[in-house]
Amino acid sequence: MSKRILISSLVGFAVVGGVAAGGFAMASSSSEPALSGTSARYVAPTGSGAGSLTFTTDVSDDSGVRGLKVIAWPASSKLDPTEAELRSVDSADCRSTSDGTSRCTYTLKVTKKEEAGLDRGTWHISALATAEDGGTTFVPRAAAFDVTR
């Protein structure tokens, strides 16, 4: 076999391999998860019953939804959590509604004693969505609600 044939075969293989690898990279590129239909509701405790905070959102990603981390914080605190901080907070309960979408709900019970210690006024909810392919979306102020007396 001549060197010229061997070299042109290798060049052809490299070109075909490069096109295939480029096609694979394009096929495997993914978008970040998206949040939609977001709502937050705070219900103060009454009588002997506990109150609650409920945060609900639909999370979508082509690869599927791995999870959603959520934290509520008072606006007056100026906390403004970061994406890194949200990696170690509470998780919402996510249930698949289609191949690429899950409805995620975070519920927190609030007793009268706990409510007495809460800052009054506006609170924000920060959320970190994670897709099955590892993509993430951080929403520093995904929703807001008011705590009043």
Protein backbone atom coordinates (compact mmCIF):
# COMPACT_ATOMS: atom_id res chain seq x y z
CA MET A 1 0.00 0.00 0.00
CA SER A 2 1.49 3.32 -0.96
CA LYS A 3 2.08 6.09 1.57
CA ARG A 4 -0.07 8.47 -0.48
CA ILE A 5 -3.15 6.19 -0.17
CA LEU A 6 -2.53 5.67 3.52
CA ILE A 7 -2.20 9.43 4.17
CA SER A 8 -5.30 10.32 2.14
CA SER A 9 -7.23 7.59 3.97
CA LEU A 10 -6.16 9.02 7.32
CA VAL A 11 -7.07 12.55 6.20
CA GLY A 12 -10.48 11.33 5.04
CA PHE A 13 -10.99 9.52 8.34
CA ALA A 14 -10.05 12.66 10.27
CA VAL A 15 -12.49 14.80 8.24
CA VAL A 16 -15.34 12.31 8.67
CA GLY A 17 -14.50 11.94 12.36
CA GLY A 18 -14.45 15.73 12.79
CA VAL A 19 -17.85 16.11 11.12
CA ALA A 20 -19.29 13.30 13.26
CA ALA A 21 -17.83 14.79 16.43
CA GLY A 22 -19.19 18.22 15.50
CA GLY A 23 -22.61 16.73 14.87
CA PHE A 24 -22.46 14.92 18.21
CA ALA A 25 -21.50 18.15 20.00
CA MET A 26 -24.42 19.95 18.37
CA ALA A 27 -26.83 17.13 19.25
CA SER A 28 -25.65 16.99 22.84
CA SER A 29 -25.69 20.75 23.43
CA SER A 30 -28.50 21.60 25.81
CA SER A 31 -30.39 24.57 27.02
CA GLU A 32 -30.67 25.55 30.64
CA PRO A 33 -33.78 24.65 32.67
CA ALA A 34 -36.61 27.20 32.55
CA LEU A 35 -39.12 28.12 35.28
CA SER A 36 -42.68 29.15 34.46
CA GLY A 37 -46.05 29.49 36.14
CA THR A 38 -44.38 30.44 39.41
CA SER A 39 -46.45 31.32 42.48
CA ALA A 40 -45.92 31.76 46.22
CA ARG A 41 -48.59 31.77 48.91
CA TYR A 42 -48.17 32.42 52.62
CA VAL A 43 -50.98 31.50 55.01
CA ALA A 44 -50.55 32.65 58.63
CA PRO A 45 -51.28 30.19 61.44
CA THR A 46 -54.73 30.50 62.99
CA GLY A 47 -56.02 29.23 66.32
CA SER A 48 -54.27 25.94 66.99
CA GLY A 49 -53.54 25.21 63.30
CA ALA A 50 -50.23 25.73 61.59
CA GLY A 51 -49.82 28.10 58.68
CA SER A 52 -47.78 27.41 55.57
CA LEU A 53 -45.66 28.77 52.79
CA THR A 54 -46.24 27.12 49.42
CA PHE A 55 -44.07 27.82 46.37
CA THR A 56 -44.99 26.17 43.06
CA THR A 57 -43.33 26.36 39.65
CA ASP A 58 -43.07 24.35 36.46
CA VAL A 59 -39.48 23.47 35.54
CA SER A 60 -38.70 22.48 31.94
CA ASP A 61 -35.59 21.11 30.27
CA ASP A 62 -35.08 18.88 27.22
CA SER A 63 -33.13 16.36 29.30
CA GLY A 64 -35.66 16.23 32.14
CA VAL A 65 -35.67 17.77 35.60
CA ARG A 66 -33.40 16.51 38.37
CA GLY A 67 -34.60 18.87 41.09
CA LEU A 68 -35.27 22.32 42.49
CA LYS A 69 -33.68 23.93 45.56
CA VAL A 70 -35.62 26.70 47.30
CA ILE A 71 -35.05 29.22 50.08
CA ALA A 72 -37.28 32.02 51.39
CA TRP A 73 -35.72 35.13 52.89
CA PRO A 74 -36.96 38.51 54.15
CA ALA A 75 -36.24 41.45 51.84
CA SER A 76 -35.33 43.57 54.86
CA SER A 77 -32.44 41.21 55.67
CA LYS A 78 -30.56 42.08 52.45
CA LEU A 79 -29.41 38.41 52.37
CA ASP A 80 -29.62 37.91 48.58
CA PRO A 81 -28.51 34.23 48.47
CA THR A 82 -26.12 33.08 45.73
CA GLU A 83 -26.34 30.07 43.44
CA ALA A 84 -23.59 28.33 45.43
CA GLU A 85 -25.51 28.83 48.69
CA LEU A 86 -28.67 27.34 47.20
CA ARG A 87 -26.93 24.04 46.51
CA SER A 88 -27.27 23.13 50.20
CA VAL A 89 -30.83 24.26 51.02
CA ASP A 90 -34.22 22.51 51.04
CA SER A 91 -35.47 20.70 47.95
CA ALA A 92 -38.91 21.06 46.44
CA ASP A 93 -40.97 17.99 45.62
CA CYS A 94 -40.90 17.65 41.81
CA ARG A 95 -43.34 15.44 39.90
CA SER A 96 -43.05 14.87 36.17
CA THR A 97 -45.92 16.27 34.07
CA SER A 98 -44.34 15.42 30.68
CA ASP A 99 -41.01 14.20 29.25
CA GLY A 100 -39.21 17.49 29.87
CA THR A 101 -41.36 19.25 32.47
CA SER A 102 -41.98 18.79 36.19
CA ARG A 103 -44.26 20.65 38.58
CA CYS A 104 -42.19 21.45 41.67
CA THR A 105 -43.81 22.36 44.98
CA TYR A 106 -42.09 23.48 48.15
CA THR A 107 -44.23 23.56 51.29
CA LEU A 108 -43.11 24.76 54.68
CA LYS A 109 -45.31 24.51 57.78
CA VAL A 110 -45.28 27.58 60.05
CA THR A 111 -46.33 27.40 63.70
CA LYS A 112 -47.57 30.38 65.73
CA LYS A 113 -44.29 30.38 67.66
CA GLU A 114 -42.26 30.42 64.42
CA GLU A 115 -44.43 33.15 62.93
CA ALA A 116 -43.83 35.37 65.98
CA GLY A 117 -40.12 35.40 65.07
CA LEU A 118 -40.57 36.15 61.36
CA ASP A 119 -39.70 39.54 59.91
CA ARG A 120 -42.81 41.36 58.75
CA GLY A 121 -43.06 42.64 55.20
CA THR A 122 -41.97 41.30 51.84
CA TRP A 123 -40.10 38.02 51.51
CA HIS A 124 -38.38 36.66 48.40
CA ILE A 125 -37.91 33.11 47.22
CA SER A 126 -34.70 32.14 45.46
CA ALA A 127 -34.65 28.96 43.36
CA LEU A 128 -32.02 26.76 41.72
CA ALA A 129 -33.28 24.33 39.07
CA THR A 130 -31.11 21.42 37.97
CA ALA A 131 -31.67 19.42 34.78
CA GLU A 132 -30.87 15.74 34.31
CA ASP A 133 -27.95 16.71 32.05
CA GLY A 134 -26.47 18.86 34.83
CA GLY A 135 -27.54 22.25 33.46
CA THR A 136 -28.69 24.74 36.08
CA THR A 137 -30.72 27.92 36.26
CA PHE A 138 -30.51 30.22 39.27
CA VAL A 139 -33.37 32.65 39.86
CA PRO A 140 -32.45 35.01 42.73
CA ARG A 141 -36.01 36.36 43.05
CA ALA A 142 -38.33 33.71 41.66
CA ALA A 143 -41.33 34.91 43.69
CA ALA A 144 -42.34 37.21 46.53
CA PHE A 145 -44.92 37.11 49.31
CA ASP A 146 -45.86 39.24 52.33
CA VAL A 147 -45.82 38.31 55.99
CA THR A 148 -48.23 40.50 57.94
CA ARG A 149 -49.60 40.38 61.46
